[in-house]
Amino acid sequence: MDQISRNSRLRIFLLVIVVAHLFIVAWHGVSHLQIPVPLSMLQMLFVGIVITLLPLIGAAMLWTKYLNQGAWLIATAMFASFLFGLINHFGVNVPAV
């Protein structure tokens, strides 16, 4: 498999992951509004920037010369999202300020 084909497959794979992630984030956010589950200002900033915005920026970077950095940004943001969810759903219960 040549380099161009590998890059195209990587771009499409990561784009599918980012789009699926955004649908899940939106669905989960609506659930939090309906229950309601309040978030602190710091938690809202984390959700807005790290969980929502950074994967989109990483996806956009996939079509530039910064393909590898975009892939790493997506991976890092997804891992941070996972840790945030794990901690806030099953770990420390920090009251909203």
PDB file of N, CA and C in Angstrom:
ATOM      1  N   MET A   1       0.862  -1.174   0.000  1.00  0.00           N
ATOM      2  CA  MET A   1       0.000   0.000   0.000  1.00  0.00           C
ATOM      3  C   MET A   1       0.910   1.239   0.000  1.00  0.00           C
ATOM      4  N   ASP A   2       0.665   2.141  -0.910  1.00  0.00           N
ATOM      5  CA  ASP A   2       1.519   3.328  -0.978  1.00  0.00           C
ATOM      6  C   ASP A   2       1.101   4.378   0.049  1.00  0.00           C
ATOM      7  N   GLN A   3       1.974   5.370   0.215  1.00  0.00           N
ATOM      8  CA  GLN A   3       1.785   6.400   1.247  1.00  0.00           C
ATOM      9  C   GLN A   3       0.502   7.197   1.037  1.00  0.00           C
ATOM     10  N   ILE A   4       0.168   7.536  -0.205  1.00  0.00           N
ATOM     11  CA  ILE A   4      -1.037   8.334  -0.477  1.00  0.00           C
ATOM     12  C   ILE A   4      -2.286   7.562  -0.066  1.00  0.00           C
ATOM     13  N   SER A   5      -2.327   6.287  -0.388  1.00  0.00           N
ATOM     14  CA  SER A   5      -3.478   5.468  -0.025  1.00  0.00           C
ATOM     15  C   SER A   5      -3.608   5.347   1.495  1.00  0.00           C
ATOM     16  N   ARG A   6      -2.487   5.172   2.185  1.00  0.00           N
ATOM     17  CA  ARG A   6      -2.515   5.086   3.653  1.00  0.00           C
ATOM     18  C   ARG A   6      -3.013   6.381   4.265  1.00  0.00           C
ATOM     19  N   ASN A   7      -2.550   7.522   3.746  1.00  0.00           N
ATOM     20  CA  ASN A   7      -2.991   8.815   4.265  1.00  0.00           C
ATOM     21  C   ASN A   7      -4.477   9.020   4.027  1.00  0.00           C
ATOM     22  N   SER A   8      -4.969   8.623   2.862  1.00  0.00           N
ATOM     23  CA  SER A   8      -6.405   8.771   2.570  1.00  0.00           C
ATOM     24  C   SER A   8      -7.238   7.918   3.510  1.00  0.00           C
ATOM     25  N   ARG A   9      -6.802   6.708   3.746  1.00  0.00           N
ATOM     26  CA  ARG A   9      -7.537   5.826   4.659  1.00  0.00           C
ATOM     27  C   ARG A   9      -7.518   6.372   6.079  1.00  0.00           C
ATOM     28  N   LEU A  10      -6.368   6.894   6.504  1.00  0.00           N
ATOM     29  CA  LEU A  10      -6.250   7.485   7.838  1.00  0.00           C
ATOM     30  C   LEU A  10      -7.183   8.684   7.965  1.00  0.00           C
ATOM     31  N   ARG A  11      -7.193   9.550   6.959  1.00  0.00           N
ATOM     32  CA  ARG A  11      -8.076  10.730   6.999  1.00  0.00           C
ATOM     33  C   ARG A  11      -9.535  10.322   7.132  1.00  0.00           C
ATOM     34  N   ILE A  12      -9.967   9.368   6.321  1.00  0.00           N
ATOM     35  CA  ILE A  12     -11.381   8.961   6.346  1.00  0.00           C
ATOM     36  C   ILE A  12     -11.709   8.277   7.672  1.00  0.00           C
ATOM     37  N   PHE A  13     -10.842   7.409   8.146  1.00  0.00           N
ATOM     38  CA  PHE A  13     -11.061   6.719   9.418  1.00  0.00           C
ATOM     39  C   PHE A  13     -11.208   7.719  10.560  1.00  0.00           C
ATOM     40  N   LEU A  14     -10.284   8.672  10.636  1.00  0.00           N
ATOM     41  CA  LEU A  14     -10.341   9.661  11.713  1.00  0.00           C
ATOM     42  C   LEU A  14     -11.534  10.599  11.561  1.00  0.00           C
ATOM     43  N   LEU A  15     -11.890  10.940  10.338  1.00  0.00           N
ATOM     44  CA  LEU A  15     -13.062  11.795  10.130  1.00  0.00           C
ATOM     45  C   LEU A  15     -14.334  11.087  10.598  1.00  0.00           C
ATOM     46  N   VAL A  16     -14.461   9.814  10.315  1.00  0.00           N
ATOM     47  CA  VAL A  16     -15.627   9.043  10.769  1.00  0.00           C
ATOM     48  C   VAL A  16     -15.669   9.018  12.297  1.00  0.00           C
ATOM     49  N   ILE A  17     -14.518   8.841  12.924  1.00  0.00           N
ATOM     50  CA  ILE A  17     -14.459   8.839  14.389  1.00  0.00           C
ATOM     51  C   ILE A  17     -14.880  10.194  14.950  1.00  0.00           C
ATOM     52  N   VAL A  18     -14.381  11.283  14.363  1.00  0.00           N
ATOM     53  CA  VAL A  18     -14.717  12.622  14.858  1.00  0.00           C
ATOM     54  C   VAL A  18     -16.202  12.909  14.681  1.00  0.00           C
ATOM     55  N   VAL A  19     -16.774  12.556  13.536  1.00  0.00           N
ATOM     56  CA  VAL A  19     -18.205  12.797  13.306  1.00  0.00           C
ATOM     57  C   VAL A  19     -19.047  11.972  14.273  1.00  0.00           C
ATOM     58  N   ALA A  20     -18.698  10.699  14.469  1.00  0.00           N
ATOM     59  CA  ALA A  20     -19.425   9.862  15.432  1.00  0.00           C
ATOM     60  C   ALA A  20     -19.295  10.449  16.839  1.00  0.00           C
ATOM     61  N   HIS A  21     -18.109  10.893  17.186  1.00  0.00           N
ATOM     62  CA  HIS A  21     -17.872  11.512  18.498  1.00  0.00           C
ATOM     63  C   HIS A  21     -18.772  12.731  18.689  1.00  0.00           C
ATOM     64  N   LEU A  22     -18.887  13.562  17.658  1.00  0.00           N
ATOM     65  CA  LEU A  22     -19.719  14.765  17.780  1.00  0.00           C
ATOM     66  C   LEU A  22     -21.200  14.422  17.957  1.00  0.00           C
ATOM     67  N   PHE A  23     -21.670  13.398  17.255  1.00  0.00           N
ATOM     68  CA  PHE A  23     -23.061  12.966  17.449  1.00  0.00           C
ATOM     69  C   PHE A  23     -23.279  12.473  18.882  1.00  0.00           C
ATOM     70  N   ILE A  24     -22.335  11.704  19.387  1.00  0.00           N
ATOM     71  CA  ILE A  24     -22.453  11.191  20.756  1.00  0.00           C
ATOM     72  C   ILE A  24     -22.385  12.336  21.766  1.00  0.00           C
ATOM     73  N   VAL A  25     -21.490  13.291  21.544  1.00  0.00           N
ATOM     74  CA  VAL A  25     -21.374  14.446  22.441  1.00  0.00           C
ATOM     75  C   VAL A  25     -22.684  15.238  22.457  1.00  0.00           C
ATOM     76  N   ALA A  26     -23.272  15.455  21.285  1.00  0.00           N
ATOM     77  CA  ALA A  26     -24.531  16.203  21.203  1.00  0.00           C
ATOM     78  C   ALA A  26     -25.648  15.443  21.924  1.00  0.00           C
ATOM     79  N   TRP A  27     -25.761  14.148  21.674  1.00  0.00           N
ATOM     80  CA  TRP A  27     -26.797  13.330  22.316  1.00  0.00           C
ATOM     81  C   TRP A  27     -26.597  13.323  23.835  1.00  0.00           C
ATOM     82  N   HIS A  28     -25.363  13.165  24.271  1.00  0.00           N
ATOM     83  CA  HIS A  28     -25.062  13.140  25.687  1.00  0.00           C
ATOM     84  C   HIS A  28     -25.333  14.505  26.327  1.00  0.00           C
ATOM     85  N   GLY A  29     -25.007  15.578  25.603  1.00  0.00           N
ATOM     86  CA  GLY A  29     -25.271  16.920  26.104  1.00  0.00           C
ATOM     87  C   GLY A  29     -26.750  17.186  26.297  1.00  0.00           C
ATOM     88  N   VAL A  30     -27.563  16.727  25.357  1.00  0.00           N
ATOM     89  CA  VAL A  30     -29.025  16.878  25.489  1.00  0.00           C
ATOM     90  C   VAL A  30     -29.518  16.101  26.707  1.00  0.00           C
ATOM     91  N   SER A  31     -28.963  14.914  26.911  1.00  0.00           N
ATOM     92  CA  SER A  31     -29.343  14.131  28.103  1.00  0.00           C
ATOM     93  C   SER A  31     -29.016  14.883  29.382  1.00  0.00           C
ATOM     94  N   HIS A  32     -27.857  15.511  29.403  1.00  0.00           N
ATOM     95  CA  HIS A  32     -27.463  16.276  30.591  1.00  0.00           C
ATOM     96  C   HIS A  32     -28.379  17.474  30.814  1.00  0.00           C
ATOM     97  N   LEU A  33     -28.869  18.066  29.761  1.00  0.00           N
ATOM     98  CA  LEU A  33     -29.789  19.198  29.913  1.00  0.00           C
ATOM     99  C   LEU A  33     -31.159  18.750  30.403  1.00  0.00           C
ATOM    100  N   GLN A  34     -31.612  17.577  29.961  1.00  0.00           N
ATOM    101  CA  GLN A  34     -32.940  17.095  30.328  1.00  0.00           C
ATOM    102  C   GLN A  34     -32.989  16.547  31.751  1.00  0.00           C
ATOM    103  N   ILE A  35     -31.897  16.026  32.265  1.00  0.00           N
ATOM    104  CA  ILE A  35     -31.938  15.374  33.581  1.00  0.00           C
ATOM    105  C   ILE A  35     -32.190  16.342  34.724  1.00  0.00           C
ATOM    106  N   PRO A  36     -31.665  17.457  34.972  1.00  0.00           N
ATOM    107  CA  PRO A  36     -30.447  18.104  34.497  1.00  0.00           C
ATOM    108  C   PRO A  36     -29.242  17.740  35.348  1.00  0.00           C
ATOM    109  N   VAL A  37     -28.097  17.790  34.716  1.00  0.00           N
ATOM    110  CA  VAL A  37     -26.826  17.577  35.406  1.00  0.00           C
ATOM    111  C   VAL A  37     -26.007  18.855  35.207  1.00  0.00           C
ATOM    112  N   PRO A  38     -25.882  19.664  36.252  1.00  0.00           N
ATOM    113  CA  PRO A  38     -25.134  20.912  36.094  1.00  0.00           C
ATOM    114  C   PRO A  38     -23.626  20.661  36.023  1.00  0.00           C
ATOM    115  N   LEU A  39     -22.955  21.486  35.244  1.00  0.00           N
ATOM    116  CA  LEU A  39     -21.505  21.436  35.157  1.00  0.00           C
ATOM    117  C   LEU A  39     -20.940  22.749  35.681  1.00  0.00           C
ATOM    118  N   SER A  40     -19.762  22.673  36.267  1.00  0.00           N
ATOM    119  CA  SER A  40     -19.099  23.891  36.709  1.00  0.00           C
ATOM    120  C   SER A  40     -18.599  24.645  35.477  1.00  0.00           C
ATOM    121  N   MET A  41     -18.179  25.879  35.654  1.00  0.00           N
ATOM    122  CA  MET A  41     -17.657  26.665  34.540  1.00  0.00           C
ATOM    123  C   MET A  41     -16.423  25.994  33.945  1.00  0.00           C
ATOM    124  N   LEU A  42     -15.544  25.466  34.797  1.00  0.00           N
ATOM    125  CA  LEU A  42     -14.352  24.781  34.316  1.00  0.00           C
ATOM    126  C   LEU A  42     -14.714  23.531  33.510  1.00  0.00           C
ATOM    127  N   GLN A  43     -15.697  22.776  33.980  1.00  0.00           N
ATOM    128  CA  GLN A  43     -16.149  21.598  33.248  1.00  0.00           C
ATOM    129  C   GLN A  43     -16.759  21.991  31.903  1.00  0.00           C
ATOM    130  N   MET A  44     -17.545  23.062  31.884  1.00  0.00           N
ATOM    131  CA  MET A  44     -18.140  23.514  30.617  1.00  0.00           C
ATOM    132  C   MET A  44     -17.067  23.956  29.634  1.00  0.00           C
ATOM    133  N   LEU A  45     -16.034  24.635  30.125  1.00  0.00           N
ATOM    134  CA  LEU A  45     -14.925  25.028  29.254  1.00  0.00           C
ATOM    135  C   LEU A  45     -14.202  23.802  28.701  1.00  0.00           C
ATOM    136  N   PHE A  46     -13.983  22.812  29.543  1.00  0.00           N
ATOM    137  CA  PHE A  46     -13.324  21.590  29.098  1.00  0.00           C
ATOM    138  C   PHE A  46     -14.148  20.900  28.020  1.00  0.00           C
ATOM    139  N   VAL A  47     -15.445  20.778  28.260  1.00  0.00           N
ATOM    140  CA  VAL A  47     -16.324  20.136  27.282  1.00  0.00           C
ATOM    141  C   VAL A  47     -16.326  20.917  25.969  1.00  0.00           C
ATOM    142  N   GLY A  48     -16.435  22.232  26.074  1.00  0.00           N
ATOM    143  CA  GLY A  48     -16.490  23.048  24.866  1.00  0.00           C
ATOM    144  C   GLY A  48     -15.206  23.033  24.066  1.00  0.00           C
ATOM    145  N   ILE A  49     -14.081  23.128  24.764  1.00  0.00           N
ATOM    146  CA  ILE A  49     -12.799  23.240  24.058  1.00  0.00           C
ATOM    147  C   ILE A  49     -12.210  21.865  23.725  1.00  0.00           C
ATOM    148  N   VAL A  50     -11.991  21.053  24.750  1.00  0.00           N
ATOM    149  CA  VAL A  50     -11.260  19.794  24.549  1.00  0.00           C
ATOM    150  C   VAL A  50     -12.138  18.724  23.900  1.00  0.00           C
ATOM    151  N   ILE A  51     -13.358  18.589  24.369  1.00  0.00           N
ATOM    152  CA  ILE A  51     -14.205  17.499  23.886  1.00  0.00           C
ATOM    153  C   ILE A  51     -14.875  17.843  22.559  1.00  0.00           C
ATOM    154  N   THR A  52     -15.247  19.099  22.354  1.00  0.00           N
ATOM    155  CA  THR A  52     -15.965  19.466  21.134  1.00  0.00           C
ATOM    156  C   THR A  52     -15.064  20.104  20.080  1.00  0.00           C
ATOM    157  N   LEU A  53     -14.322  21.127  20.444  1.00  0.00           N
ATOM    158  CA  LEU A  53     -13.583  21.925  19.464  1.00  0.00           C
ATOM    159  C   LEU A  53     -12.292  21.259  18.970  1.00  0.00           C
ATOM    160  N   LEU A  54     -11.488  20.717  19.862  1.00  0.00           N
ATOM    161  CA  LEU A  54     -10.196  20.159  19.448  1.00  0.00           C
ATOM    162  C   LEU A  54     -10.308  19.011  18.440  1.00  0.00           C
ATOM    163  N   PRO A  55     -11.264  18.079  18.571  1.00  0.00           N
ATOM    164  CA  PRO A  55     -11.381  17.066  17.510  1.00  0.00           C
ATOM    165  C   PRO A  55     -11.719  17.669  16.142  1.00  0.00           C
ATOM    166  N   LEU A  56     -12.515  18.735  16.127  1.00  0.00           N
ATOM    167  CA  LEU A  56     -12.835  19.396  14.856  1.00  0.00           C
ATOM    168  C   LEU A  56     -11.598  20.058  14.252  1.00  0.00           C
ATOM    169  N   ILE A  57     -10.807  20.700  15.088  1.00  0.00           N
ATOM    170  CA  ILE A  57      -9.570  21.315  14.603  1.00  0.00           C
ATOM    171  C   ILE A  57      -8.627  20.227  14.081  1.00  0.00           C
ATOM    172  N   GLY A  58      -8.520  19.131  14.818  1.00  0.00           N
ATOM    173  CA  GLY A  58      -7.688  18.012  14.365  1.00  0.00           C
ATOM    174  C   GLY A  58      -8.165  17.442  13.046  1.00  0.00           C
ATOM    175  N   ALA A  59      -9.484  17.329  12.877  1.00  0.00           N
ATOM    176  CA  ALA A  59     -10.038  16.815  11.610  1.00  0.00           C
ATOM    177  C   ALA A  59      -9.718  17.756  10.465  1.00  0.00           C
ATOM    178  N   ALA A  60      -9.801  19.050  10.697  1.00  0.00           N
ATOM    179  CA  ALA A  60      -9.459  20.014   9.648  1.00  0.00           C
ATOM    180  C   ALA A  60      -7.982  19.916   9.284  1.00  0.00           C
ATOM    181  N   MET A  61      -7.145  19.660  10.271  1.00  0.00           N
ATOM    182  CA  MET A  61      -5.707  19.553  10.025  1.00  0.00           C
ATOM    183  C   MET A  61      -5.353  18.330   9.178  1.00  0.00           C
ATOM    184  N   LEU A  62      -6.246  17.352   9.114  1.00  0.00           N
ATOM    185  CA  LEU A  62      -5.965  16.138   8.346  1.00  0.00           C
ATOM    186  C   LEU A  62      -5.792  16.423   6.857  1.00  0.00           C
ATOM    187  N   TRP A  63      -6.351  17.513   6.388  1.00  0.00           N
ATOM    188  CA  TRP A  63      -6.263  17.856   4.965  1.00  0.00           C
ATOM    189  C   TRP A  63      -5.238  18.955   4.706  1.00  0.00           C
ATOM    190  N   THR A  64      -4.301  19.099   5.616  1.00  0.00           N
ATOM    191  CA  THR A  64      -3.205  20.048   5.449  1.00  0.00           C
ATOM    192  C   THR A  64      -1.903  19.263   5.525  1.00  0.00           C
ATOM    193  N   LYS A  65      -0.793  19.984   5.490  1.00  0.00           N
ATOM    194  CA  LYS A  65       0.503  19.313   5.637  1.00  0.00           C
ATOM    195  C   LYS A  65       0.737  18.839   7.066  1.00  0.00           C
ATOM    196  N   TYR A  66      -0.192  19.157   7.963  1.00  0.00           N
ATOM    197  CA  TYR A  66      -0.081  18.776   9.380  1.00  0.00           C
ATOM    198  C   TYR A  66      -0.937  17.550   9.700  1.00  0.00           C
ATOM    199  N   LEU A  67      -0.960  16.588   8.794  1.00  0.00           N
ATOM    200  CA  LEU A  67      -1.749  15.366   8.969  1.00  0.00           C
ATOM    201  C   LEU A  67      -1.405  14.655  10.274  1.00  0.00           C
ATOM    202  N   ASN A  68      -0.124  14.441  10.529  1.00  0.00           N
ATOM    203  CA  ASN A  68       0.277  13.713  11.743  1.00  0.00           C
ATOM    204  C   ASN A  68      -0.107  14.471  13.010  1.00  0.00           C
ATOM    205  N   GLN A  69       0.094  15.788  13.012  1.00  0.00           N
ATOM    206  CA  GLN A  69      -0.264  16.588  14.180  1.00  0.00           C
ATOM    207  C   GLN A  69      -1.778  16.574  14.399  1.00  0.00           C
ATOM    208  N   GLY A  70      -2.546  16.609  13.313  1.00  0.00           N
ATOM    209  CA  GLY A  70      -3.998  16.531  13.422  1.00  0.00           C
ATOM    210  C   GLY A  70      -4.449  15.203  14.005  1.00  0.00           C
ATOM    211  N   ALA A  71      -3.814  14.117  13.549  1.00  0.00           N
ATOM    212  CA  ALA A  71      -4.143  12.791  14.079  1.00  0.00           C
ATOM    213  C   ALA A  71      -3.822  12.720  15.569  1.00  0.00           C
ATOM    214  N   TRP A  72      -2.679  13.273  15.967  1.00  0.00           N
ATOM    215  CA  TRP A  72      -2.307  13.274  17.382  1.00  0.00           C
ATOM    216  C   TRP A  72      -3.238  14.162  18.205  1.00  0.00           C
ATOM    217  N   LEU A  73      -3.668  15.280  17.631  1.00  0.00           N
ATOM    218  CA  LEU A  73      -4.608  16.155  18.338  1.00  0.00           C
ATOM    219  C   LEU A  73      -5.928  15.436  18.581  1.00  0.00           C
ATOM    220  N   ILE A  74      -6.411  14.724  17.572  1.00  0.00           N
ATOM    221  CA  ILE A  74      -7.646  13.953  17.723  1.00  0.00           C
ATOM    222  C   ILE A  74      -7.461  12.877  18.798  1.00  0.00           C
ATOM    223  N   ALA A  75      -6.371  12.141  18.720  1.00  0.00           N
ATOM    224  CA  ALA A  75      -6.126  11.069  19.693  1.00  0.00           C
ATOM    225  C   ALA A  75      -6.026  11.618  21.114  1.00  0.00           C
ATOM    226  N   THR A  76      -5.322  12.720  21.269  1.00  0.00           N
ATOM    227  CA  THR A  76      -5.160  13.316  22.597  1.00  0.00           C
ATOM    228  C   THR A  76      -6.487  13.833  23.140  1.00  0.00           C
ATOM    229  N   ALA A  77      -7.259  14.503  22.291  1.00  0.00           N
ATOM    230  CA  ALA A  77      -8.563  15.029  22.719  1.00  0.00           C
ATOM    231  C   ALA A  77      -9.514  13.885  23.070  1.00  0.00           C
ATOM    232  N   MET A  78      -9.489  12.806  22.300  1.00  0.00           N
ATOM    233  CA  MET A  78     -10.355  11.661  22.591  1.00  0.00           C
ATOM    234  C   MET A  78      -9.965  11.002  23.907  1.00  0.00           C
ATOM    235  N   PHE A  79      -8.659  10.882  24.146  1.00  0.00           N
ATOM    236  CA  PHE A  79      -8.208  10.292  25.406  1.00  0.00           C
ATOM    237  C   PHE A  79      -8.595  11.182  26.586  1.00  0.00           C
ATOM    238  N   ALA A  80      -8.439  12.495  26.431  1.00  0.00           N
ATOM    239  CA  ALA A  80      -8.843  13.426  27.490  1.00  0.00           C
ATOM    240  C   ALA A  80     -10.349  13.353  27.721  1.00  0.00           C
ATOM    241  N   SER A  81     -11.120  13.215  26.648  1.00  0.00           N
ATOM    242  CA  SER A  81     -12.576  13.071  26.767  1.00  0.00           C
ATOM    243  C   SER A  81     -12.933  11.810  27.544  1.00  0.00           C
ATOM    244  N   PHE A  82     -12.243  10.723  27.229  1.00  0.00           N
ATOM    245  CA  PHE A  82     -12.478   9.459  27.920  1.00  0.00           C
ATOM    246  C   PHE A  82     -12.190   9.592  29.414  1.00  0.00           C
ATOM    247  N   LEU A  83     -11.041  10.196  29.742  1.00  0.00           N
ATOM    248  CA  LEU A  83     -10.694  10.376  31.154  1.00  0.00           C
ATOM    249  C   LEU A  83     -11.694  11.283  31.867  1.00  0.00           C
ATOM    250  N   PHE A  84     -12.115  12.361  31.214  1.00  0.00           N
ATOM    251  CA  PHE A  84     -13.102  13.277  31.793  1.00  0.00           C
ATOM    252  C   PHE A  84     -14.400  12.528  32.103  1.00  0.00           C
ATOM    253  N   GLY A  85     -14.875  11.744  31.145  1.00  0.00           N
ATOM    254  CA  GLY A  85     -16.101  10.974  31.357  1.00  0.00           C
ATOM    255  C   GLY A  85     -15.947   9.935  32.443  1.00  0.00           C
ATOM    256  N   LEU A  86     -14.827   9.247  32.433  1.00  0.00           N
ATOM    257  CA  LEU A  86     -14.574   8.220  33.445  1.00  0.00           C
ATOM    258  C   LEU A  86     -14.558   8.828  34.838  1.00  0.00           C
ATOM    259  N   ILE A  87     -13.840   9.915  34.996  1.00  0.00           N
ATOM    260  CA  ILE A  87     -13.735  10.563  36.306  1.00  0.00           C
ATOM    261  C   ILE A  87     -15.078  11.144  36.743  1.00  0.00           C
ATOM    262  N   ASN A  88     -15.770  11.829  35.850  1.00  0.00           N
ATOM    263  CA  ASN A  88     -16.993  12.524  36.231  1.00  0.00           C
ATOM    264  C   ASN A  88     -18.219  11.621  36.315  1.00  0.00           C
ATOM    265  N   HIS A  89     -18.184  10.465  35.683  1.00  0.00           N
ATOM    266  CA  HIS A  89     -19.323   9.550  35.781  1.00  0.00           C
ATOM    267  C   HIS A  89     -19.126   8.471  36.833  1.00  0.00           C
ATOM    268  N   PHE A  90     -17.880   8.057  37.036  1.00  0.00           N
ATOM    269  CA  PHE A  90     -17.630   6.932  37.932  1.00  0.00           C
ATOM    270  C   PHE A  90     -16.659   7.246  39.054  1.00  0.00           C
ATOM    271  N   GLY A  91     -16.106   8.432  39.046  1.00  0.00           N
ATOM    272  CA  GLY A  91     -15.095   8.771  40.036  1.00  0.00           C
ATOM    273  C   GLY A  91     -15.541   9.864  40.954  1.00  0.00           C
ATOM    274  N   VAL A  92     -14.747  10.888  40.997  1.00  0.00           N
ATOM    275  CA  VAL A  92     -14.978  12.012  41.886  1.00  0.00           C
ATOM    276  C   VAL A  92     -16.230  12.770  41.457  1.00  0.00           C
ATOM    277  N   ASN A  93     -17.106  13.018  42.408  1.00  0.00           N
ATOM    278  CA  ASN A  93     -18.305  13.805  42.114  1.00  0.00           C
ATOM    279  C   ASN A  93     -18.053  15.227  42.608  1.00  0.00           C
ATOM    280  N   VAL A  94     -17.660  16.107  41.664  1.00  0.00           N
ATOM    281  CA  VAL A  94     -17.358  17.492  42.007  1.00  0.00           C
ATOM    282  C   VAL A  94     -18.619  18.324  41.828  1.00  0.00           C
ATOM    283  N   PRO A  95     -19.096  18.972  42.864  1.00  0.00           N
ATOM    284  CA  PRO A  95     -20.316  19.791  42.723  1.00  0.00           C
ATOM    285  C   PRO A  95     -20.065  20.990  41.823  1.00  0.00           C
ATOM    286  N   ALA A  96     -21.107  21.380  41.095  1.00  0.00           N
ATOM    287  CA  ALA A  96     -21.014  22.546  40.215  1.00  0.00           C
ATOM    288  C   ALA A  96     -20.936  23.816  41.063  1.00  0.00           C
ATOM    289  N   VAL A  97     -20.155  24.747  40.595  1.00  0.00           N
ATOM    290  CA  VAL A  97     -19.982  26.016  41.326  1.00  0.00           C
ATOM    291  C   VAL A  97     -20.897  27.061  40.725  1.00  0.00           C
TER     292      VAL A  97
END
